[in-house]
Protein backbone atom coordinates (compact mmCIF):
# COMPACT_ATOMS: atom_id res chain seq x y z
CA MET A 1 253.36 38.94 38.54
CA PRO A 2 251.56 36.98 41.24
CA GLY A 3 251.92 33.21 41.14
CA PHE A 4 255.06 33.29 38.96
CA VAL A 5 257.07 30.08 39.29
CA PRO A 6 259.91 29.53 36.83
CA PRO A 7 259.92 26.11 35.17
CA LEU A 8 262.31 23.48 36.53
CA PRO A 9 265.22 24.11 34.09
CA VAL A 10 265.31 27.81 35.04
CA ARG A 11 265.15 26.88 38.76
CA LEU A 12 268.14 24.64 38.21
CA VAL A 13 270.02 27.45 36.51
CA ALA A 14 269.16 29.70 39.47
CA LEU A 15 270.43 27.09 41.83
CA GLY A 16 273.62 26.84 39.79
CA ALA A 17 274.16 30.58 40.10
CA LEU A 18 273.73 30.28 43.87
CA LEU A 19 276.22 27.33 44.15
CA LEU A 20 278.73 29.17 42.04
CA ALA A 21 278.42 32.16 44.37
CA LEU A 22 278.80 29.87 47.33
CA GLY A 23 281.85 28.22 45.88
CA GLY A 24 283.83 31.38 45.31
CA CYS A 25 283.03 34.68 47.02
CA ASP A 26 285.56 36.77 45.15
CA HIS A 27 284.68 40.01 46.91
CA GLU A 28 284.70 39.02 50.56
CA THR A 29 285.16 36.15 52.94
CA SER A 30 283.25 34.81 55.88
CA SER A 31 284.56 34.17 59.31
CA ALA A 32 281.90 34.77 61.96
CA SER A 33 283.73 33.01 64.77
CA GLN A 34 287.02 34.85 64.39
CA PRO A 35 288.20 36.42 67.65
CA ALA A 36 288.93 40.13 68.15
CA VAL A 37 292.33 41.15 66.86
CA ALA A 38 294.18 43.40 69.23
CA VAL A 39 296.42 45.20 66.75
CA PRO A 40 296.08 48.99 66.65
CA LEU A 41 295.85 51.16 63.62
CA PRO A 42 298.92 53.36 62.96
CA GLY A 43 298.84 56.21 65.36
CA SER A 44 296.37 54.54 67.75
CA SER A 45 296.77 52.26 70.73
CA LEU A 46 293.17 50.89 70.53
CA PRO A 47 292.33 47.49 69.10
CA VAL A 48 289.71 46.74 66.42
CA ARG A 49 287.87 43.62 65.46
CA SER A 50 288.32 41.37 62.40
CA GLY A 51 285.79 41.77 59.60
CA LEU A 52 282.09 41.16 60.01
CA ALA A 53 280.42 38.08 58.59
CA GLY A 54 276.92 37.90 59.88
CA ARG A 55 273.69 36.54 58.48
CA LEU A 56 270.80 39.01 58.08
CA THR A 57 268.33 38.81 60.90
CA ARG A 58 264.67 38.35 60.15
CA HIS A 59 263.98 42.06 60.67
CA GLN A 60 266.98 43.12 58.59
CA HIS A 61 265.85 40.81 55.73
CA ALA A 62 262.32 42.23 55.82
CA ASN A 63 263.65 45.81 55.89
CA VAL A 64 266.00 45.27 52.94
CA VAL A 65 263.39 43.67 50.64
CA LEU A 66 260.94 46.46 51.59
CA ASP A 67 263.42 49.32 51.06
CA VAL A 68 265.13 47.95 47.99
CA LEU A 69 262.38 46.04 46.16
CA GLY A 70 259.20 47.51 47.70
CA VAL A 71 257.95 44.15 48.93
CA GLN A 72 256.21 44.06 52.30
CA LEU A 73 256.50 40.63 53.92
CA ALA A 74 253.60 39.62 56.13
CA ASP A 75 254.07 38.00 59.55
CA GLN A 76 252.98 34.64 58.18
CA ASP A 77 255.67 34.85 55.49
CA GLN A 78 258.41 35.30 58.04
CA ARG A 79 257.34 32.86 60.70
CA ALA A 80 259.40 29.75 61.11
CA ALA A 81 256.26 27.59 61.25
CA SER A 82 255.49 28.73 57.73
CA GLY A 83 258.97 28.03 56.50
CA GLY A 84 260.32 31.49 57.27
CA ILE A 85 263.48 32.51 59.10
CA PRO A 86 263.69 30.79 62.49
CA ASP A 87 263.23 32.79 65.68
CA GLU A 88 266.44 34.38 66.76
CA LYS A 89 267.97 34.77 70.17
CA ALA A 90 271.14 36.62 71.05
CA SER A 91 273.62 33.79 71.38
CA THR A 92 276.32 36.06 72.67
CA GLY A 93 275.78 39.55 74.10
CA LEU A 94 272.49 41.40 74.32
CA PHE A 95 271.56 41.99 70.70
CA ARG A 96 270.16 39.67 68.06
CA ASN A 97 272.01 41.42 65.28
CA GLY A 98 275.33 40.16 66.68
CA ALA A 99 277.19 38.03 64.14
CA ASP A 100 279.19 36.15 66.78
CA GLY A 101 277.86 32.72 67.46
CA GLN A 102 274.85 32.80 65.11
CA ALA A 103 273.11 29.45 64.81
CA ALA A 104 273.74 27.31 61.77
CA ALA A 105 271.02 24.91 60.63
CA ASP A 106 269.53 23.54 57.43
CA SER A 107 266.38 25.51 58.12
CA TYR A 108 268.09 28.83 57.27
CA PRO A 109 268.96 28.22 53.60
CA PHE A 110 265.49 26.66 53.03
CA ALA A 111 263.91 29.72 54.71
CA PHE A 112 265.91 32.21 52.61
CA GLY A 113 265.09 30.19 49.52
CA LYS A 114 261.35 30.19 50.21
CA LEU A 115 261.37 33.90 50.96
CA ALA A 116 263.40 34.60 47.80
CA GLN A 117 260.62 33.00 45.74
CA ILE A 118 257.93 35.02 47.57
CA VAL A 119 259.75 38.33 47.15
CA ALA A 120 260.60 37.67 43.46
CA GLU A 121 256.92 36.86 42.76
CA ARG A 122 255.65 40.03 44.47
CA ALA A 123 258.27 42.52 43.23
CA ASP A 124 256.96 45.13 40.79
CA VAL A 125 259.80 44.82 38.31
CA VAL A 126 258.21 47.32 35.91
CA ALA A 127 258.28 49.99 38.68
CA LEU A 128 261.85 48.97 39.60
CA HIS A 129 263.00 49.46 36.00
CA ARG A 130 261.57 53.01 36.19
CA GLU A 131 262.95 53.77 39.60
CA TRP A 132 266.44 52.49 38.71
CA ARG A 133 266.31 54.02 35.26
CA VAL A 134 266.92 50.66 33.63
CA CYS A 135 265.61 49.97 30.09
CA SER A 136 263.28 47.01 29.71
CA GLU A 137 263.72 46.02 26.07
CA ALA A 138 264.83 42.51 25.28
CA SER A 139 268.43 43.47 24.63
CA ASP A 140 271.82 42.58 25.99
CA ALA A 141 272.28 46.11 27.28
CA CYS A 142 269.02 46.14 29.18
CA ARG A 143 269.76 42.69 30.60
CA LEU A 144 273.18 43.78 31.83
CA ALA A 145 271.78 47.02 33.32
CA TRP A 146 269.10 45.10 35.23
CA VAL A 147 271.63 42.60 36.60
CA GLU A 148 274.10 45.37 37.61
CA GLN A 149 271.49 47.54 39.32
CA SER A 150 269.84 44.61 41.16
CA GLY A 151 273.17 43.33 42.33
CA ARG A 152 274.40 46.78 43.41
CA ARG A 153 271.38 47.30 45.63
CA LEU A 154 270.95 43.77 46.99
CA PHE A 155 274.63 42.94 47.51
CA ARG A 156 275.31 46.49 48.74
CA ARG A 157 278.24 46.86 46.32
CA PRO A 158 278.93 46.47 42.55
CA LEU A 159 278.91 42.97 41.20
CA THR A 160 282.27 41.38 40.33
CA THR A 161 282.92 40.46 36.72
CA ARG A 162 282.35 36.81 37.62
CA GLU A 163 279.06 37.48 39.42
CA GLY A 164 277.81 39.69 36.57
CA ALA A 165 278.50 36.92 34.05
CA VAL A 166 276.65 34.30 36.08
CA PHE A 167 273.50 36.44 36.55
CA VAL A 168 273.50 37.67 32.93
CA GLY A 169 273.72 34.04 31.91
CA LEU A 170 270.80 33.16 34.16
CA HIS A 171 268.70 35.91 32.61
CA ALA A 172 269.56 34.67 29.07
CA SER A 173 268.75 31.11 30.05
CA ALA A 174 265.34 32.16 31.36
CA LEU A 175 264.57 33.81 28.04
CA ALA A 176 265.76 30.66 26.18
CA GLU A 177 263.29 28.65 28.22
CA GLY A 178 260.46 30.81 26.80
CA LEU A 179 259.96 33.13 29.76
CA SER A 180 259.22 36.87 29.19
CA PHE A 181 261.84 39.48 29.89
CA GLU A 182 259.96 40.41 33.13
CA ALA A 183 259.94 36.72 34.27
CA ALA A 184 263.68 36.52 33.53
CA ASP A 185 264.11 39.61 35.74
CA ARG A 186 262.37 37.75 38.53
CA SER A 187 264.64 34.72 38.11
CA VAL A 188 267.65 37.00 38.64
CA LEU A 189 266.10 38.48 41.76
CA GLU A 190 265.24 35.03 43.20
CA ALA A 191 268.81 33.85 42.69
CA MET A 192 270.32 36.99 44.17
CA LEU A 193 268.08 36.84 47.18
CA GLN A 194 269.64 33.42 48.08
CA ALA A 195 273.23 34.29 47.30
CA PRO A 196 275.68 34.68 50.25
CA ALA A 197 276.47 38.24 49.23
CA PHE A 198 272.83 39.09 50.01
CA VAL A 199 272.12 36.76 52.89
CA PHE A 200 275.28 37.67 54.79
CA ARG A 201 276.81 41.01 55.70
CA LEU A 202 280.32 40.28 54.51
CA GLU A 203 283.48 42.36 54.75
CA ASN A 204 286.78 41.58 53.07
CA GLU A 205 288.94 40.12 55.77
CA LEU A 206 291.89 39.42 53.48
CA ARG A 207 292.49 42.93 52.16
CA GLY A 208 295.44 44.73 53.70
CA ALA A 209 298.49 43.42 55.48
CA PRO A 210 297.79 40.16 57.34
CA GLY A 211 297.32 40.65 61.01
CA GLU A 212 297.12 44.44 60.73
CA LYS A 213 294.15 46.83 60.57
CA ARG A 214 292.75 48.94 57.84
CA TYR A 215 290.04 51.53 57.33
CA LEU A 216 286.85 50.20 55.72
CA ASP A 217 286.25 50.91 52.03
CA GLY A 218 283.27 52.97 50.96
CA PHE A 219 280.83 50.08 50.52
CA GLU A 220 281.76 48.39 53.80
CA LEU A 221 281.29 51.66 55.67
CA ALA A 222 278.06 52.50 53.89
CA SER A 223 276.68 49.05 54.78
CA ARG A 224 277.74 49.36 58.45
CA LEU A 225 276.08 52.81 58.65
CA SER A 226 272.80 51.81 57.05
CA PHE A 227 272.39 48.55 58.97
CA PHE A 228 273.18 50.42 62.16
CA LEU A 229 270.61 53.17 61.71
CA TRP A 230 268.01 51.61 59.37
CA GLY A 231 268.59 47.86 59.86
CA SER A 232 268.69 47.80 56.09
CA ALA A 233 270.80 48.21 52.94
CA PRO A 234 272.29 51.58 51.92
CA ASP A 235 270.08 53.73 49.77
CA ASN A 236 271.18 55.04 46.37
CA GLU A 237 272.70 58.28 47.79
CA LEU A 238 274.89 56.31 50.18
CA LEU A 239 275.94 53.81 47.55
CA SER A 240 276.80 56.68 45.17
CA LEU A 241 279.02 58.28 47.79
CA ALA A 242 280.64 54.90 48.40
CA GLU A 243 281.31 54.53 44.66
CA ALA A 244 282.91 57.99 44.63
CA ASN A 245 284.88 56.97 47.66
CA THR A 246 283.86 60.13 49.51
CA VAL A 247 282.37 57.98 52.23
CA ASN A 248 284.82 55.43 53.73
CA GLY A 249 286.53 54.67 56.99
CA THR A 250 289.49 57.06 56.64
CA VAL A 251 289.99 60.02 58.96
CA ALA A 252 289.59 62.41 55.99
CA ALA A 253 286.09 61.06 55.32
CA VAL A 254 284.86 61.50 58.93
CA PRO A 255 282.99 64.83 58.19
CA ARG A 256 281.04 63.10 55.35
CA VAL A 257 280.33 60.06 57.51
CA ARG A 258 278.96 62.37 60.22
CA GLU A 259 276.85 64.14 57.62
CA GLN A 260 275.41 60.88 56.34
CA ALA A 261 274.77 59.58 59.88
CA GLN A 262 272.66 62.67 60.50
CA ARG A 263 270.83 62.24 57.20
CA LEU A 264 269.97 58.64 57.93
CA LEU A 265 269.00 59.53 61.49
CA ALA A 266 266.51 62.15 60.19
CA ASP A 267 264.74 59.50 58.14
CA PRO A 268 261.75 57.78 59.80
CA ARG A 269 263.47 54.44 59.21
CA ALA A 270 265.88 55.29 61.99
CA ARG A 271 263.17 54.44 64.49
CA ARG A 272 263.80 50.81 63.56
CA MET A 273 267.22 51.20 65.31
CA THR A 274 265.81 52.40 68.62
CA ARG A 275 262.99 49.81 68.59
CA GLU A 276 265.41 46.89 68.02
CA PHE A 277 267.83 48.25 70.56
CA ILE A 278 265.35 48.67 73.38
CA LEU A 279 263.53 45.40 72.79
CA ASP A 280 266.85 43.52 73.05
CA PHE A 281 268.08 45.58 76.01
CA ALA A 282 264.85 45.38 78.06
CA GLU A 283 263.70 41.87 76.87
CA PRO A 284 259.98 42.37 77.74
CA GLU A 285 259.26 39.19 75.79
CA ARG A 286 260.75 37.26 78.70
CA ALA A 287 257.94 38.30 80.99
CA SER A 288 256.93 35.12 82.89
CA PHE A 289 254.78 36.37 85.78
CA VAL A 290 251.54 34.65 86.65
CA GLY A 291 248.85 35.63 84.25
CA VAL A 292 251.03 37.00 81.50
CA THR A 293 249.79 36.41 77.92
CA PRO A 294 251.35 36.97 74.48
CA ILE A 295 249.09 40.02 74.11
CA LEU A 296 250.30 41.47 77.42
CA ARG A 297 253.94 40.78 76.49
CA ALA A 298 253.38 42.68 73.24
CA ALA A 299 251.81 45.55 75.18
CA LEU A 300 254.79 45.67 77.57
CA ALA A 301 257.10 45.72 74.58
CA ASP A 302 255.14 48.55 72.81
CA SER A 303 255.08 50.56 75.99
CA MET A 304 258.83 50.19 76.59
CA VAL A 305 259.56 51.19 73.01
CA ALA A 306 257.22 54.19 73.22
CA THR A 307 258.95 55.35 76.46
CA PHE A 308 262.42 55.10 74.86
CA GLU A 309 261.33 56.91 71.70
CA ASN A 310 259.39 59.58 73.43
CA HIS A 311 262.34 60.54 75.57
CA LEU A 312 265.06 60.30 72.82
CA TRP A 313 263.10 61.31 69.68
CA ASP A 314 260.14 63.41 70.70
CA GLU A 315 261.62 65.25 73.67
CA GLN A 316 265.28 65.11 72.42
CA GLY A 317 266.34 64.11 75.98
CA GLN A 318 269.82 62.98 76.91
CA ILE A 319 270.68 59.33 77.12
CA LYS A 320 271.46 59.69 80.83
CA GLY A 321 268.02 61.38 81.31
CA LEU A 322 266.44 57.93 80.69
CA PHE A 323 267.43 57.06 84.20
CA ASN A 324 265.55 59.81 86.01
CA THR A 325 262.71 60.74 83.66
CA THR A 326 259.27 60.63 85.22
CA ARG A 327 257.53 60.40 81.85
CA LEU A 328 256.78 56.80 80.95
CA ALA A 329 254.58 55.55 78.14
CA PHE A 330 251.96 52.80 78.61
CA THR A 331 249.31 51.15 76.52
CA PRO A 332 245.89 51.07 78.31
CA THR A 333 246.57 47.42 79.26
CA VAL A 334 249.90 48.17 80.86
CA ALA A 335 248.57 51.30 82.57
CA SER A 336 245.85 49.17 84.17
CA LEU A 337 248.42 46.48 85.08
CA ILE A 338 250.22 48.88 87.40
CA GLY A 339 247.13 50.47 88.82
CA LEU A 340 246.75 53.56 86.65
CA THR A 341 243.47 54.65 85.01
CA PRO A 342 244.10 54.69 81.30
CA GLU A 343 243.95 58.24 79.92
CA GLY A 344 242.69 57.31 76.46
CA GLU A 345 243.00 54.92 73.59
CA GLY A 346 246.38 53.83 72.35
CA THR A 347 249.79 54.40 73.96
CA GLN A 348 249.93 57.53 76.15
CA VAL A 349 252.76 59.22 78.03
CA TYR A 350 252.09 59.48 81.77
CA ASP A 351 253.73 61.60 84.45
CA VAL A 352 254.58 59.01 87.13
CA SER A 353 256.24 61.38 89.59
CA ALA A 354 253.44 60.83 92.09
CA LEU A 355 253.74 57.09 92.04
CA PRO A 356 255.96 55.47 94.75
CA GLU A 357 259.46 54.55 93.56
CA ARG A 358 258.44 54.87 89.88
CA VAL A 359 261.16 56.86 88.16
CA GLY A 360 263.34 56.22 85.11
CA TRP A 361 263.16 53.60 82.35
CA LEU A 362 264.42 50.83 84.65
CA THR A 363 261.28 51.02 86.75
CA HIS A 364 259.08 50.65 83.68
CA PRO A 365 257.08 47.42 83.99
CA GLY A 366 258.37 46.43 80.54
CA PHE A 367 261.91 46.40 81.91
CA ILE A 368 261.13 44.80 85.26
CA ALA A 369 259.01 42.09 83.63
CA GLY A 370 262.00 41.50 81.33
CA PHE A 371 263.92 39.97 84.24
CA GLY A 372 261.78 36.90 83.55
CA ASP A 373 260.76 36.24 87.18
CA THR A 374 257.92 33.80 87.67
CA ASP A 375 256.71 35.39 90.93
CA VAL A 376 258.45 38.03 93.06
CA GLY A 377 261.86 38.74 91.56
CA LYS A 378 264.98 37.39 93.10
CA ILE A 379 267.73 39.75 94.14
CA VAL A 380 270.45 37.55 92.73
CA HIS A 381 268.74 37.14 89.37
CA ARG A 382 267.89 40.81 89.04
CA GLY A 383 271.26 41.92 90.31
CA ILE A 384 273.18 39.94 87.69
CA GLY A 385 270.93 41.30 84.94
CA LEU A 386 271.58 44.84 86.10
CA MET A 387 275.33 44.25 86.35
CA VAL A 388 275.45 43.06 82.74
CA LYS A 389 273.17 45.84 81.38
CA LEU A 390 274.44 48.77 83.52
CA MET A 391 278.06 47.90 84.21
CA CYS A 392 278.90 45.81 81.16
CA ARG A 393 280.40 43.22 83.53
CA GLN A 394 279.81 39.51 83.26
CA PRO A 395 279.53 37.29 86.38
CA VAL A 396 282.43 34.95 86.80
CA GLN A 397 281.88 31.25 86.13
CA LEU A 398 280.86 29.56 89.36
CA PRO A 399 283.40 27.01 90.67
CA ASP A 400 282.29 23.38 91.14
CA GLY A 401 280.04 22.79 94.11
CA VAL A 402 278.81 26.39 94.43
CA ALA A 403 275.36 25.61 93.03
CA ALA A 404 274.79 22.92 95.61
CA ALA A 405 276.10 25.16 98.37
CA ALA A 406 273.78 27.94 97.22
CA GLY A 407 270.88 25.50 97.37
CA ASP A 408 271.75 24.46 100.88
CA PHE A 409 272.02 28.13 101.89
CA THR A 410 268.61 28.93 100.48
CA ARG A 411 266.98 25.95 102.22
CA LYS A 412 268.68 26.84 105.53
CA PHE A 413 267.42 30.43 105.39
CA SER A 414 264.12 29.84 103.56
CA ASN A 415 262.27 31.74 106.24
CA LEU A 416 264.11 34.97 105.35
CA THR A 417 263.26 37.48 102.73
CA GLU A 418 265.52 37.90 99.67
CA ARG A 419 267.11 41.00 101.22
CA GLU A 420 267.65 39.22 104.55
CA ARG A 421 269.39 36.31 102.78
CA SER A 422 271.64 38.80 101.07
CA GLU A 423 272.48 40.38 104.36
CA GLN A 424 273.20 36.90 105.75
CA ARG A 425 275.76 36.35 103.01
CA GLN A 426 277.31 39.71 103.96
CA LEU A 427 277.38 38.67 107.64
CA MET A 428 279.04 35.37 106.83
CA ALA A 429 281.98 37.29 105.30
CA LYS A 430 282.84 38.88 108.62
CA PRO A 431 285.25 37.36 111.13
CA THR A 432 283.83 35.01 113.74
CA SER A 433 284.64 37.63 116.39
CA GLU A 434 282.01 39.92 114.76
CA GLY A 435 279.36 37.22 114.48
CA GLY A 436 280.34 35.99 111.02
CA SER A 437 281.83 32.74 109.82
CA ASP A 438 284.98 34.18 108.27
CA ASN A 439 283.84 33.04 104.84
CA PRO A 440 284.23 36.02 102.49
CA ALA A 441 284.10 34.13 99.17
CA CYS A 442 280.31 34.07 98.82
CA TRP A 443 279.75 37.76 99.57
CA GLY A 444 282.84 38.69 97.51
CA CYS A 445 280.87 37.50 94.48
CA HIS A 446 277.35 38.59 95.40
CA SER A 447 278.44 42.05 96.53
CA GLN A 448 279.20 42.91 92.84
CA PHE A 449 275.55 42.83 91.90
CA GLU A 450 273.09 42.33 94.76
CA PRO A 451 273.20 45.94 96.03
CA LEU A 452 272.12 47.07 92.57
CA ALA A 453 268.89 45.09 92.91
CA TYR A 454 267.92 46.19 96.44
CA GLY A 455 265.98 49.13 95.11
CA PHE A 456 263.77 46.91 93.03
CA ASP A 457 262.57 44.75 95.92
CA ARG A 458 259.24 46.49 96.14
CA PHE A 459 258.31 45.56 92.58
CA ASP A 460 256.83 42.16 91.74
CA ALA A 461 257.58 40.18 88.62
CA ALA A 462 255.12 42.21 86.54
CA GLY A 463 256.56 45.55 87.65
CA ARG A 464 253.66 46.30 90.02
CA TYR A 465 254.49 48.17 93.20
CA LEU A 466 254.12 45.93 96.29
CA GLY A 467 254.45 48.59 99.04
CA ALA A 468 256.85 48.81 102.00
CA LYS A 469 255.99 45.35 103.24
CA ASP A 470 255.41 41.98 101.61
CA SER A 471 252.23 39.89 101.94
CA ALA A 472 253.54 38.41 105.24
CA GLY A 473 254.04 41.85 106.71
CA ARG A 474 257.84 41.72 106.45
CA ALA A 475 259.71 44.96 105.66
CA LEU A 476 261.01 45.43 102.11
CA PRO A 477 263.89 47.91 102.51
CA ILE A 478 265.19 49.40 99.26
CA ASP A 479 268.41 51.15 100.33
CA GLY A 480 271.69 49.99 98.79
CA TRP A 481 274.88 51.19 97.20
CA MET A 482 276.50 51.47 93.81
CA THR A 483 278.95 48.87 92.63
CA ASP A 484 280.32 50.72 89.66
CA ASP A 485 283.79 51.11 91.25
CA LEU A 486 284.78 47.82 92.83
CA SER A 487 288.15 49.19 93.80
CA LEU A 488 286.45 51.23 96.57
CA PRO A 489 285.68 49.53 99.90
CA GLU A 490 281.96 49.05 100.35
CA ALA A 491 281.75 51.63 103.09
CA SER A 492 283.08 54.30 100.65
CA ARG A 493 280.71 53.54 97.78
CA GLU A 494 277.79 55.90 97.01
CA ARG A 495 274.62 54.85 98.80
CA TYR A 496 270.98 55.32 97.87
CA GLY A 497 267.92 55.18 100.06
CA ASN A 498 265.18 54.88 97.37
CA MET A 499 264.75 54.54 93.63
CA VAL A 500 264.98 58.31 92.98
CA GLU A 501 268.40 58.36 94.54
CA PHE A 502 269.40 55.11 92.75
CA MET A 503 268.46 56.59 89.41
CA GLU A 504 270.27 59.85 90.11
CA LEU A 505 273.46 57.87 90.90
CA ALA A 506 272.95 55.87 87.68
CA ALA A 507 272.58 59.03 85.62
CA ARG A 508 275.77 60.49 87.09
CA SER A 509 277.82 57.24 86.96
CA GLU A 510 280.61 57.42 84.40
CA THR A 511 280.74 53.61 84.41
CA ILE A 512 277.11 53.21 83.59
CA GLN A 513 277.02 55.90 80.88
CA ALA A 514 280.13 54.45 79.30
CA CYS A 515 278.43 51.05 79.40
CA MET A 516 275.49 52.50 77.53
CA ALA A 517 277.93 53.77 74.90
CA GLN A 518 279.48 50.26 74.80
CA HIS A 519 276.09 48.74 74.12
CA PHE A 520 275.50 51.11 71.22
CA LEU A 521 278.96 50.31 69.83
CA ALA A 522 278.17 46.56 69.91
CA PHE A 523 274.77 47.08 68.33
CA ALA A 524 276.24 49.37 65.65
CA THR A 525 278.97 46.96 64.59
CA GLY A 526 276.82 43.85 64.82
CA ARG A 527 279.17 42.13 67.24
CA ALA A 528 278.88 40.92 70.82
CA SER A 529 280.39 43.35 73.28
CA THR A 530 283.95 42.50 74.34
CA ALA A 531 286.97 44.24 75.78
CA VAL A 532 287.50 45.74 72.33
CA GLU A 533 284.21 47.71 72.58
CA SER A 534 284.99 48.51 76.19
CA SER A 535 288.28 50.10 75.14
CA PHE A 536 286.36 52.59 72.97
CA SER A 537 283.41 53.18 75.21
CA HIS A 538 284.82 55.96 77.44
CA LEU A 539 286.09 57.90 74.35
CA VAL A 540 282.71 57.60 72.66
CA GLN A 541 280.85 58.60 75.76
CA ALA A 542 283.15 61.66 76.27
CA GLU A 543 282.40 62.76 72.70
CA ASN A 544 278.73 62.12 73.29
CA GLU A 545 278.77 64.29 76.40
CA ARG A 546 280.73 67.04 74.63
CA ALA A 547 278.13 67.16 71.85
CA GLY A 548 275.16 67.30 74.22
CA GLY A 549 274.45 63.72 75.32
CA THR A 550 271.45 63.17 73.03
CA LEU A 551 270.76 60.21 70.85
CA SER A 552 271.99 62.21 67.83
CA ALA A 553 275.25 63.03 69.62
CA LEU A 554 275.77 59.40 70.62
CA ILE A 555 275.07 58.13 67.09
CA GLU A 556 277.64 60.57 65.66
CA ALA A 557 280.20 59.49 68.29
CA VAL A 558 279.69 55.88 67.50
CA ALA A 559 279.60 56.22 63.66
CA THR A 560 282.81 58.33 63.63
CA SER A 561 284.70 56.18 66.08
CA GLU A 562 287.76 54.27 64.97
CA LEU A 563 286.15 51.00 65.95
CA PHE A 564 283.18 51.60 63.60
CA ARG A 565 285.38 52.76 60.72
CA SER A 566 288.05 50.02 60.61
CA GLN A 567 288.70 46.32 60.87
CA ALA A 568 291.60 43.93 61.33
CA SER A 569 292.79 41.75 58.41
CA LEU A 570 293.18 38.06 59.05
CA ALA A 571 296.62 36.54 59.20
CA VAL A 572 296.29 33.67 56.69
CA ASP A 573 298.87 30.90 56.26
CA ALA A 574 300.52 31.40 52.84
CA SER A 575 300.33 27.70 52.27
CA THR A 576 296.52 27.70 52.42
CA PRO A 577 295.07 27.20 48.88
CA THR A 578 293.57 30.40 47.55
CA ALA A 579 290.19 28.69 47.01
CA ASP A 580 290.05 27.80 50.70
CA ARG A 581 290.43 31.48 51.61
CA GLY A 582 287.25 32.41 49.74
CA GLN A 583 289.09 33.82 46.75
CA PRO A 584 288.42 32.92 43.13
């Protein structure tokens, strides 16, 4: 019903329904900033997090309204400049779907309100009545059925008695205002699309013994699984299994969870998962080299996604095979950027084995440009990025005065190449008797990440190969060593002489492959990666390897892990009023 706008009284009733929902979420509570709770489940020594409370991302919102209501939102609908959901950045961790630290601003409720009106206007409610097998006569039974089915799909669970009464009352009020039954249906949708139970992915943090952990119920598990693999709400089959309690977080339900994970993975919508994962991991949108344009950033992103999907989906390659594959995908623009002659229209997969130092997904120009260098990349900058993404280690906070000292160091040795400055830091750590300055602190920090970046020194900020020498004729060596085991002395760490050897070491490194599992765990649970995810990463990676090391094997290992299937209940002060705990 294009152009449908309920009259003001109905709008006020819809707003009242939203405010009532806001005032008392009687199914779940919200606590996005809660820390991880290190209390193990019975029979396990591993910790799990408190419940999820995260706002839908722009992509998740668009996916849900498309999958549930059949409404395709255009780019202009979603853009912040048009009143849509503001652009999102990962405030903590690598991924934008992380609930931890999400921004809070007045623009978000207004954006969801505007989009709710757009979606309600465009929804084909007649088709939805048929699809959901809901009658459309002007009767109490049909009204209740519409409310229950809409709520079940949009809230990802059955409505509570209180919620059902509110939305049934809204529908009746719309009819009393003179609207048609179909228009009343739209009023219900518009109100639901603004309710916290839709806008947020909420899990019940107060169920179970305070301070202890419990397995997720069927609807919580179904929602985690569908948002992990589809970036969207559970479909009817998954909701029905949740209602029957045959899918939940218990150990007994693991075979069914595995079965459903494979079903969702076989659906084309699962490609959303790999696209969102790689775009956040590689960050091609950060490309800042001279001459870059929005069109070129988009081409770099599309090329990176196509490489990731070709290896994992089309060729069914192993996760670790991403590091030494010689088949990279490029759009014609990106192929030309790195000196290749485009092989045809659209994105093509190229064999890059004949190109110097070009091997593995980390040498893809979409990944290298994602470092965000403005000119030739800096070893420190790139090294830290690689440490975070390959080792799941964060650099320590610099002590006071270090930034100024680093600036003095750079100015003093400005005539040196980046690699030579790194070697100067290493020299300074040696005793004065060996030509150093007996100052190990600087190299003690830089040695954790700089050797990882040595191999990338022959690539410029756009990912173009520079050659063995820079523009001034100075050598660009690319030998280094792995820093995945910092307990080993540097002389004992595995060395590489070129990018092929670097990528082979990365593919074999247990630390790096466990870190990849850790990233998937964080992405799957919608949380920033912490020591909690790290504690599960080696178990998940071992299960992944046992099952073949493919994307399918890793998804199964993540979805059936204890971390994915459980949560910790909050320890709430008994003196806290019930209403303040989010209960009715």
